[in-house]
Amino acid sequence: MGEVAAKIKIMPSGMDVDLTRLKENLKKAIPQGARIHGFSEEPVAFGLKALIAVVKVGDIEGGTEKVEEAFSKVEGVESVSVVELGRM
């Protein structure tokens, strides 16, 4: 079984969300079988920044769904969406 790398865009619920703390909470929420490869920040508008997480998961059907569900339950997260997906 191969691996898939997914870029996942995480929108914070507001500009007052501490992105450093949010990154730590997302790392704690990652489900078994998935690994966070890194984070970057992407300016959205008016000072609001989104987090872009690169996550590696097994190449199975619904591979990123558990990660998306786990991330969406983290406090301070407004929305989660996969923006890019590719095999490794």
Protein backbone atom coordinates (compact mmCIF):
# COMPACT_ATOMS: atom_id res chain seq x y z
CA MET A 1 0.00 0.00 0.00
CA GLY A 2 1.35 3.42 -0.95
CA GLU A 3 0.89 6.76 0.69
CA VAL A 4 -1.06 9.83 -0.26
CA ALA A 5 -0.08 13.40 0.64
CA ALA A 6 -2.96 15.78 1.14
CA LYS A 7 -2.89 19.55 1.50
CA ILE A 8 -5.68 20.42 3.88
CA LYS A 9 -6.87 24.01 4.36
CA ILE A 10 -8.00 24.80 7.89
CA MET A 11 -9.91 28.05 8.35
CA PRO A 12 -9.83 29.42 11.91
CA SER A 13 -13.08 30.68 13.39
CA GLY A 14 -11.69 34.22 13.61
CA MET A 15 -8.63 36.45 13.62
CA ASP A 16 -8.32 36.10 17.39
CA VAL A 17 -7.46 32.37 17.14
CA ASP A 18 -3.84 31.71 18.13
CA LEU A 19 -2.44 29.82 15.12
CA THR A 20 0.48 28.39 17.10
CA ARG A 21 -1.88 26.84 19.64
CA LEU A 22 -4.19 25.70 16.85
CA LYS A 23 -1.29 23.86 15.18
CA GLU A 24 -0.50 22.07 18.44
CA ASN A 25 -4.14 21.08 18.92
CA LEU A 26 -4.32 19.78 15.33
CA LYS A 27 -1.20 17.67 15.94
CA LYS A 28 -2.86 16.14 19.01
CA ALA A 29 -6.07 15.42 17.07
CA ILE A 30 -4.43 13.56 14.16
CA PRO A 31 -5.93 10.05 13.91
CA GLN A 32 -3.87 6.88 13.98
CA GLY A 33 -2.40 5.99 10.60
CA ALA A 34 -1.94 9.63 9.53
CA ARG A 35 1.08 11.90 9.97
CA ILE A 36 1.43 15.65 9.74
CA HIS A 37 4.34 16.53 7.50
CA GLY A 38 4.16 20.29 8.09
CA PHE A 39 2.15 23.49 8.28
CA SER A 40 2.17 26.77 6.39
CA GLU A 41 0.05 29.90 6.70
CA GLU A 42 -1.89 31.43 3.83
CA PRO A 43 -3.24 35.00 3.97
CA VAL A 44 -6.98 35.09 3.26
CA ALA A 45 -8.25 38.66 3.77
CA PHE A 46 -8.09 41.56 6.21
CA GLY A 47 -5.39 39.90 8.36
CA LEU A 48 -7.12 36.50 8.54
CA LYS A 49 -4.81 33.57 7.81
CA ALA A 50 -5.66 29.96 6.98
CA LEU A 51 -3.46 27.04 7.96
CA ILE A 52 -2.36 24.63 5.27
CA ALA A 53 -1.45 21.22 6.70
CA VAL A 54 0.37 18.60 4.64
CA VAL A 55 -0.82 15.23 5.90
CA LYS A 56 0.34 11.78 4.82
CA VAL A 57 -2.17 8.93 4.93
CA GLY A 58 -2.39 5.41 3.56
CA ASP A 59 -3.62 5.03 -0.02
CA ILE A 60 -7.03 3.62 0.88
CA GLU A 61 -10.56 4.71 0.08
CA GLY A 62 -11.64 7.60 2.31
CA GLY A 63 -8.06 8.12 3.48
CA THR A 64 -8.43 11.80 4.39
CA GLU A 65 -11.98 11.64 5.79
CA LYS A 66 -10.88 10.69 9.32
CA VAL A 67 -8.34 13.50 9.33
CA GLU A 68 -10.92 16.02 8.11
CA GLU A 69 -13.40 14.89 10.78
CA ALA A 70 -10.77 15.06 13.54
CA PHE A 71 -9.58 18.52 12.47
CA SER A 72 -13.14 19.88 12.27
CA LYS A 73 -13.71 18.97 15.95
CA VAL A 74 -10.74 21.03 17.17
CA GLU A 75 -11.69 24.22 19.01
CA GLY A 76 -11.10 27.32 16.89
CA VAL A 77 -11.62 25.57 13.54
CA GLU A 78 -14.33 27.01 11.28
CA SER A 79 -13.90 24.72 8.26
CA VAL A 80 -11.64 22.03 6.82
CA SER A 81 -11.19 21.19 3.14
CA VAL A 82 -8.76 19.18 1.04
CA VAL A 83 -7.19 21.47 -1.58
CA GLU A 84 -4.71 19.05 -3.16
CA LEU A 85 -4.16 15.30 -3.17
CA GLY A 86 -1.35 13.25 -4.67
CA ARG A 87 0.33 9.86 -4.47
CA MET A 88 3.81 9.55 -3.13
